[in-house]
């Protein structure tokens, strides 16, 4: 086969497209992994905030007027 052969050119074009698709897939996989790490971190942070909130409520419910500065 010569490089001027239409089949050879088509095969080369397909190999190039496959290479680009593989690179894109690798990039997208990295994005998915990074997003999952962020989601996991946010879930942990949300759980901590909920725990802090329940600890604060269990310690005694404060009235809003107790937190007002003296000039109110």
PDB file of N, CA and C in Angstrom:
ATOM      1  N   UNK A   1       0.831  -1.184   0.000  1.00  0.00           N
ATOM      2  CA  UNK A   1       0.000   0.000   0.000  1.00  0.00           C
ATOM      3  C   UNK A   1       0.876   1.249   0.000  1.00  0.00           C
ATOM      4  N   UNK A   2       0.486   2.214  -0.746  1.00  0.00           N
ATOM      5  CA  UNK A   2       1.190   3.485  -0.762  1.00  0.00           C
ATOM      6  C   UNK A   2       0.426   4.479   0.086  1.00  0.00           C
ATOM      7  N   UNK A   3       1.070   5.575   0.411  1.00  0.00           N
ATOM      8  CA  UNK A   3       0.413   6.588   1.241  1.00  0.00           C
ATOM      9  C   UNK A   3      -0.657   7.338   0.462  1.00  0.00           C
ATOM     10  N   UNK A   4      -0.658   7.220  -0.865  1.00  0.00           N
ATOM     11  CA  UNK A   4      -1.676   7.882  -1.677  1.00  0.00           C
ATOM     12  C   UNK A   4      -2.924   7.032  -1.839  1.00  0.00           C
ATOM     13  N   UNK A   5      -2.859   5.828  -1.379  1.00  0.00           N
ATOM     14  CA  UNK A   5      -3.993   4.924  -1.466  1.00  0.00           C
ATOM     15  C   UNK A   5      -5.148   5.469  -0.603  1.00  0.00           C
ATOM     16  N   UNK A   6      -6.367   5.560  -1.152  1.00  0.00           N
ATOM     17  CA  UNK A   6      -7.497   6.098  -0.370  1.00  0.00           C
ATOM     18  C   UNK A   6      -7.774   5.304   0.905  1.00  0.00           C
ATOM     19  N   UNK A   7      -7.590   4.002   0.857  1.00  0.00           N
ATOM     20  CA  UNK A   7      -7.813   3.185   2.046  1.00  0.00           C
ATOM     21  C   UNK A   7      -6.790   3.519   3.122  1.00  0.00           C
ATOM     22  N   UNK A   8      -5.562   3.735   2.714  1.00  0.00           N
ATOM     23  CA  UNK A   8      -4.509   4.093   3.656  1.00  0.00           C
ATOM     24  C   UNK A   8      -4.782   5.446   4.293  1.00  0.00           C
ATOM     25  N   UNK A   9      -5.241   6.389   3.490  1.00  0.00           N
ATOM     26  CA  UNK A   9      -5.567   7.726   4.024  1.00  0.00           C
ATOM     27  C   UNK A   9      -6.722   7.649   4.999  1.00  0.00           C
ATOM     28  N   UNK A  10      -7.737   6.856   4.669  1.00  0.00           N
ATOM     29  CA  UNK A  10      -8.882   6.701   5.563  1.00  0.00           C
ATOM     30  C   UNK A  10      -8.458   6.043   6.865  1.00  0.00           C
ATOM     31  N   UNK A  11      -7.604   5.032   6.767  1.00  0.00           N
ATOM     32  CA  UNK A  11      -7.111   4.347   7.962  1.00  0.00           C
ATOM     33  C   UNK A  11      -6.312   5.301   8.844  1.00  0.00           C
ATOM     34  N   UNK A  12      -5.475   6.111   8.231  1.00  0.00           N
ATOM     35  CA  UNK A  12      -4.692   7.101   8.984  1.00  0.00           C
ATOM     36  C   UNK A  12      -5.612   8.105   9.662  1.00  0.00           C
ATOM     37  N   UNK A  13      -6.643   8.564   8.953  1.00  0.00           N
ATOM     38  CA  UNK A  13      -7.590   9.523   9.528  1.00  0.00           C
ATOM     39  C   UNK A  13      -8.332   8.890  10.713  1.00  0.00           C
ATOM     40  N   UNK A  14      -8.706   7.627  10.565  1.00  0.00           N
ATOM     41  CA  UNK A  14      -9.382   6.944  11.670  1.00  0.00           C
ATOM     42  C   UNK A  14      -8.470   6.758  12.872  1.00  0.00           C
ATOM     43  N   UNK A  15      -7.209   6.460  12.633  1.00  0.00           N
ATOM     44  CA  UNK A  15      -6.252   6.324  13.736  1.00  0.00           C
ATOM     45  C   UNK A  15      -6.072   7.642  14.468  1.00  0.00           C
ATOM     46  N   UNK A  16      -6.042   8.729  13.711  1.00  0.00           N
ATOM     47  CA  UNK A  16      -5.907  10.054  14.328  1.00  0.00           C
ATOM     48  C   UNK A  16      -7.142  10.354  15.180  1.00  0.00           C
ATOM     49  N   UNK A  17      -8.314  10.085  14.623  1.00  0.00           N
ATOM     50  CA  UNK A  17      -9.547  10.321  15.385  1.00  0.00           C
ATOM     51  C   UNK A  17      -9.594   9.459  16.642  1.00  0.00           C
ATOM     52  N   UNK A  18      -9.178   8.208  16.524  1.00  0.00           N
ATOM     53  CA  UNK A  18      -9.163   7.316  17.685  1.00  0.00           C
ATOM     54  C   UNK A  18      -8.200   7.831  18.745  1.00  0.00           C
ATOM     55  N   UNK A  19      -7.085   8.352  18.314  1.00  0.00           N
ATOM     56  CA  UNK A  19      -6.103   8.895  19.260  1.00  0.00           C
ATOM     57  C   UNK A  19      -6.676  10.098  20.003  1.00  0.00           C
ATOM     58  N   UNK A  20      -7.336  11.000  19.271  1.00  0.00           N
ATOM     59  CA  UNK A  20      -7.963  12.161  19.905  1.00  0.00           C
ATOM     60  C   UNK A  20      -9.074  11.719  20.860  1.00  0.00           C
ATOM     61  N   UNK A  21      -9.852  10.738  20.450  1.00  0.00           N
ATOM     62  CA  UNK A  21     -10.940  10.243  21.303  1.00  0.00           C
ATOM     63  C   UNK A  21     -10.376   9.633  22.586  1.00  0.00           C
ATOM     64  N   UNK A  22      -9.276   8.913  22.477  1.00  0.00           N
ATOM     65  CA  UNK A  22      -8.653   8.310  23.652  1.00  0.00           C
ATOM     66  C   UNK A  22      -8.129   9.380  24.601  1.00  0.00           C
ATOM     67  N   UNK A  23      -7.497  10.413  24.052  1.00  0.00           N
ATOM     68  CA  UNK A  23      -7.018  11.521  24.889  1.00  0.00           C
ATOM     69  C   UNK A  23      -8.180  12.222  25.587  1.00  0.00           C
ATOM     70  N   UNK A  24      -9.262  12.447  24.856  1.00  0.00           N
ATOM     71  CA  UNK A  24     -10.424  13.107  25.434  1.00  0.00           C
ATOM     72  C   UNK A  24     -11.040  12.254  26.539  1.00  0.00           C
ATOM     73  N   UNK A  25     -11.103  10.958  26.306  1.00  0.00           N
ATOM     74  CA  UNK A  25     -11.641  10.052  27.317  1.00  0.00           C
ATOM     75  C   UNK A  25     -10.794  10.074  28.590  1.00  0.00           C
ATOM     76  N   UNK A  26      -9.484  10.102  28.436  1.00  0.00           N
ATOM     77  CA  UNK A  26      -8.599  10.191  29.607  1.00  0.00           C
ATOM     78  C   UNK A  26      -8.833  11.490  30.365  1.00  0.00           C
ATOM     79  N   UNK A  27      -8.992  12.593  29.624  1.00  0.00           N
ATOM     80  CA  UNK A  27      -9.248  13.893  30.253  1.00  0.00           C
ATOM     81  C   UNK A  27     -10.572  13.872  31.009  1.00  0.00           C
ATOM     82  N   UNK A  28     -11.591  13.325  30.368  1.00  0.00           N
ATOM     83  CA  UNK A  28     -12.905  13.265  31.011  1.00  0.00           C
ATOM     84  C   UNK A  28     -12.886  12.380  32.249  1.00  0.00           C
ATOM     85  N   UNK A  29     -12.145  11.301  32.211  1.00  0.00           N
ATOM     86  CA  UNK A  29     -12.016  10.445  33.385  1.00  0.00           C
ATOM     87  C   UNK A  29     -11.380  11.197  34.540  1.00  0.00           C
ATOM     88  N   UNK A  30     -10.367  12.007  34.257  1.00  0.00           N
ATOM     89  CA  UNK A  30      -9.734  12.811  35.305  1.00  0.00           C
ATOM     90  C   UNK A  30     -10.723  13.810  35.896  1.00  0.00           C
ATOM     91  N   UNK A  31     -11.542  14.407  35.035  1.00  0.00           N
ATOM     92  CA  UNK A  31     -12.546  15.357  35.517  1.00  0.00           C
ATOM     93  C   UNK A  31     -13.545  14.655  36.427  1.00  0.00           C
ATOM     94  N   UNK A  32     -13.991  13.478  36.034  1.00  0.00           N
ATOM     95  CA  UNK A  32     -14.958  12.724  36.838  1.00  0.00           C
ATOM     96  C   UNK A  32     -14.356  12.356  38.189  1.00  0.00           C
ATOM     97  N   UNK A  33     -13.105  11.926  38.194  1.00  0.00           N
ATOM     98  CA  UNK A  33     -12.441  11.573  39.458  1.00  0.00           C
ATOM     99  C   UNK A  33     -12.342  12.798  40.359  1.00  0.00           C
ATOM    100  N   UNK A  34     -11.938  13.933  39.785  1.00  0.00           N
ATOM    101  CA  UNK A  34     -11.806  15.166  40.575  1.00  0.00           C
ATOM    102  C   UNK A  34     -13.166  15.602  41.117  1.00  0.00           C
ATOM    103  N   UNK A  35     -14.201  15.526  40.299  1.00  0.00           N
ATOM    104  CA  UNK A  35     -15.529  15.910  40.764  1.00  0.00           C
ATOM    105  C   UNK A  35     -16.022  14.975  41.865  1.00  0.00           C
ATOM    106  N   UNK A  36     -15.734  13.694  41.756  1.00  0.00           N
ATOM    107  CA  UNK A  36     -16.152  12.755  42.807  1.00  0.00           C
ATOM    108  C   UNK A  36     -15.432  13.061  44.115  1.00  0.00           C
ATOM    109  N   UNK A  37     -14.157  13.445  44.025  1.00  0.00           N
ATOM    110  CA  UNK A  37     -13.420  13.821  45.229  1.00  0.00           C
ATOM    111  C   UNK A  37     -14.042  15.057  45.869  1.00  0.00           C
ATOM    112  N   UNK A  38     -14.446  16.024  45.034  1.00  0.00           N
ATOM    113  CA  UNK A  38     -15.088  17.228  45.555  1.00  0.00           C
ATOM    114  C   UNK A  38     -16.435  16.894  46.194  1.00  0.00           C
ATOM    115  N   UNK A  39     -17.194  16.019  45.555  1.00  0.00           N
ATOM    116  CA  UNK A  39     -18.488  15.612  46.111  1.00  0.00           C
ATOM    117  C   UNK A  39     -18.285  14.926  47.453  1.00  0.00           C
ATOM    118  N   UNK A  40     -17.318  14.032  47.531  1.00  0.00           N
ATOM    119  CA  UNK A  40     -17.042  13.334  48.790  1.00  0.00           C
ATOM    120  C   UNK A  40     -16.656  14.315  49.889  1.00  0.00           C
ATOM    121  N   UNK A  41     -15.821  15.299  49.547  1.00  0.00           N
ATOM    122  CA  UNK A  41     -15.415  16.308  50.529  1.00  0.00           C
ATOM    123  C   UNK A  41     -16.613  17.130  50.982  1.00  0.00           C
ATOM    124  N   UNK A  42     -17.489  17.488  50.065  1.00  0.00           N
ATOM    125  CA  UNK A  42     -18.676  18.262  50.423  1.00  0.00           C
ATOM    126  C   UNK A  42     -19.634  17.455  51.298  1.00  0.00           C
ATOM    127  N   UNK A  43     -19.750  16.171  51.023  1.00  0.00           N
ATOM    128  CA  UNK A  43     -20.602  15.314  51.850  1.00  0.00           C
ATOM    129  C   UNK A  43     -20.060  15.249  53.270  1.00  0.00           C
ATOM    130  N   UNK A  44     -18.730  15.110  53.390  1.00  0.00           N
ATOM    131  CA  UNK A  44     -18.126  15.079  54.734  1.00  0.00           C
ATOM    132  C   UNK A  44     -18.344  16.414  55.454  1.00  0.00           C
ATOM    133  N   UNK A  45     -18.159  17.513  54.725  1.00  0.00           N
ATOM    134  CA  UNK A  45     -18.339  18.832  55.332  1.00  0.00           C
ATOM    135  C   UNK A  45     -19.791  19.042  55.762  1.00  0.00           C
ATOM    136  N   UNK A  46     -20.720  18.608  54.941  1.00  0.00           N
ATOM    137  CA  UNK A  46     -22.131  18.732  55.283  1.00  0.00           C
ATOM    138  C   UNK A  46     -22.460  17.918  56.530  1.00  0.00           C
ATOM    139  N   UNK A  47     -21.914  16.722  56.618  1.00  0.00           N
ATOM    140  CA  UNK A  47     -22.141  15.888  57.799  1.00  0.00           C
ATOM    141  C   UNK A  47     -21.584  16.567  59.048  1.00  0.00           C
ATOM    142  N   UNK A  48     -20.401  17.177  58.931  1.00  0.00           N
ATOM    143  CA  UNK A  48     -19.815  17.883  60.072  1.00  0.00           C
ATOM    144  C   UNK A  48     -20.680  19.068  60.489  1.00  0.00           C
ATOM    145  N   UNK A  49     -21.178  19.807  59.498  1.00  0.00           N
ATOM    146  CA  UNK A  49     -22.026  20.956  59.814  1.00  0.00           C
ATOM    147  C   UNK A  49     -23.327  20.519  60.484  1.00  0.00           C
ATOM    148  N   UNK A  50     -23.891  19.432  59.996  1.00  0.00           N
ATOM    149  CA  UNK A  50     -25.120  18.932  60.618  1.00  0.00           C
ATOM    150  C   UNK A  50     -24.853  18.486  62.053  1.00  0.00           C
ATOM    151  N   UNK A  51     -23.702  17.859  62.253  1.00  0.00           N
ATOM    152  CA  UNK A  51     -23.348  17.418  63.598  1.00  0.00           C
ATOM    153  C   UNK A  51     -23.151  18.623  64.517  1.00  0.00           C
ATOM    154  N   UNK A  52     -22.493  19.661  64.019  1.00  0.00           N
ATOM    155  CA  UNK A  52     -22.296  20.868  64.819  1.00  0.00           C
ATOM    156  C   UNK A  52     -23.632  21.514  65.153  1.00  0.00           C
ATOM    157  N   UNK A  53     -24.532  21.505  64.181  1.00  0.00           N
ATOM    158  CA  UNK A  53     -25.839  22.115  64.397  1.00  0.00           C
ATOM    159  C   UNK A  53     -26.620  21.352  65.458  1.00  0.00           C
ATOM    160  N   UNK A  54     -26.601  20.041  65.403  1.00  0.00           N
ATOM    161  CA  UNK A  54     -27.332  19.265  66.409  1.00  0.00           C
ATOM    162  C   UNK A  54     -26.668  19.395  67.774  1.00  0.00           C
ATOM    163  N   UNK A  55     -25.341  19.506  67.815  1.00  0.00           N
ATOM    164  CA  UNK A  55     -24.648  19.713  69.091  1.00  0.00           C
ATOM    165  C   UNK A  55     -25.042  21.054  69.689  1.00  0.00           C
ATOM    166  N   UNK A  56     -25.162  22.076  68.868  1.00  0.00           N
ATOM    167  CA  UNK A  56     -25.553  23.399  69.354  1.00  0.00           C
ATOM    168  C   UNK A  56     -26.972  23.425  69.862  1.00  0.00           C
ATOM    169  N   UNK A  57     -27.859  22.725  69.198  1.00  0.00           N
ATOM    170  CA  UNK A  57     -29.256  22.682  69.629  1.00  0.00           C
ATOM    171  C   UNK A  57     -29.387  21.863  70.906  1.00  0.00           C
ATOM    172  N   UNK A  58     -28.636  20.787  71.003  1.00  0.00           N
ATOM    173  CA  UNK A  58     -28.711  19.935  72.188  1.00  0.00           C
ATOM    174  C   UNK A  58     -28.159  20.650  73.414  1.00  0.00           C
ATOM    175  N   UNK A  59     -27.245  21.575  73.211  1.00  0.00           N
ATOM    176  CA  UNK A  59     -26.647  22.296  74.323  1.00  0.00           C
ATOM    177  C   UNK A  59     -27.585  23.310  74.942  1.00  0.00           C
ATOM    178  N   UNK A  60     -28.696  23.551  74.348  1.00  0.00           N
ATOM    179  CA  UNK A  60     -29.669  24.511  74.864  1.00  0.00           C
ATOM    180  C   UNK A  60     -30.068  25.460  73.752  1.00  0.00           C
ATOM    181  N   UNK A  61     -31.337  25.569  73.546  1.00  0.00           N
ATOM    182  CA  UNK A  61     -31.833  26.444  72.487  1.00  0.00           C
ATOM    183  C   UNK A  61     -31.792  27.877  72.983  1.00  0.00           C
ATOM    184  N   UNK A  62     -31.077  28.713  72.270  1.00  0.00           N
ATOM    185  CA  UNK A  62     -30.979  30.120  72.648  1.00  0.00           C
ATOM    186  C   UNK A  62     -32.060  30.909  71.917  1.00  0.00           C
ATOM    187  N   UNK A  63     -32.575  31.901  72.582  1.00  0.00           N
ATOM    188  CA  UNK A  63     -33.555  32.778  71.936  1.00  0.00           C
ATOM    189  C   UNK A  63     -32.797  33.814  71.117  1.00  0.00           C
ATOM    190  N   UNK A  64     -33.420  34.270  70.037  1.00  0.00           N
ATOM    191  CA  UNK A  64     -32.773  35.258  69.179  1.00  0.00           C
ATOM    192  C   UNK A  64     -32.504  36.551  69.935  1.00  0.00           C
ATOM    193  N   UNK A  65     -33.361  36.908  70.862  1.00  0.00           N
ATOM    194  CA  UNK A  65     -33.173  38.155  71.598  1.00  0.00           C
ATOM    195  C   UNK A  65     -31.961  38.084  72.520  1.00  0.00           C
ATOM    196  N   UNK A  66     -31.503  36.895  72.882  1.00  0.00           N
ATOM    197  CA  UNK A  66     -30.317  36.753  73.724  1.00  0.00           C
ATOM    198  C   UNK A  66     -29.053  37.156  72.967  1.00  0.00           C
ATOM    199  N   UNK A  67     -29.086  37.078  71.644  1.00  0.00           N
ATOM    200  CA  UNK A  67     -27.913  37.388  70.836  1.00  0.00           C
ATOM    201  C   UNK A  67     -27.892  38.824  70.347  1.00  0.00           C
ATOM    202  N   UNK A  68     -28.918  39.604  70.617  1.00  0.00           N
ATOM    203  CA  UNK A  68     -28.971  40.989  70.136  1.00  0.00           C
ATOM    204  C   UNK A  68     -28.007  41.851  70.939  1.00  0.00           C
ATOM    205  N   UNK A  69     -27.356  42.789  70.269  1.00  0.00           N
ATOM    206  CA  UNK A  69     -26.502  43.719  70.988  1.00  0.00           C
ATOM    207  C   UNK A  69     -27.343  44.624  71.915  1.00  0.00           C
ATOM    208  N   UNK A  70     -26.706  45.236  72.904  1.00  0.00           N
ATOM    209  CA  UNK A  70     -27.458  46.007  73.923  1.00  0.00           C
ATOM    210  C   UNK A  70     -28.240  47.192  73.352  1.00  0.00           C
ATOM    211  N   UNK A  71     -27.860  47.745  72.233  1.00  0.00           N
ATOM    212  CA  UNK A  71     -28.549  48.927  71.724  1.00  0.00           C
ATOM    213  C   UNK A  71     -29.886  48.617  71.060  1.00  0.00           C
ATOM    214  N   UNK A  72     -30.297  47.360  71.018  1.00  0.00           N
ATOM    215  CA  UNK A  72     -31.605  47.012  70.425  1.00  0.00           C
ATOM    216  C   UNK A  72     -32.650  46.956  71.483  1.00  0.00           C
TER     217      UNK A  72
END
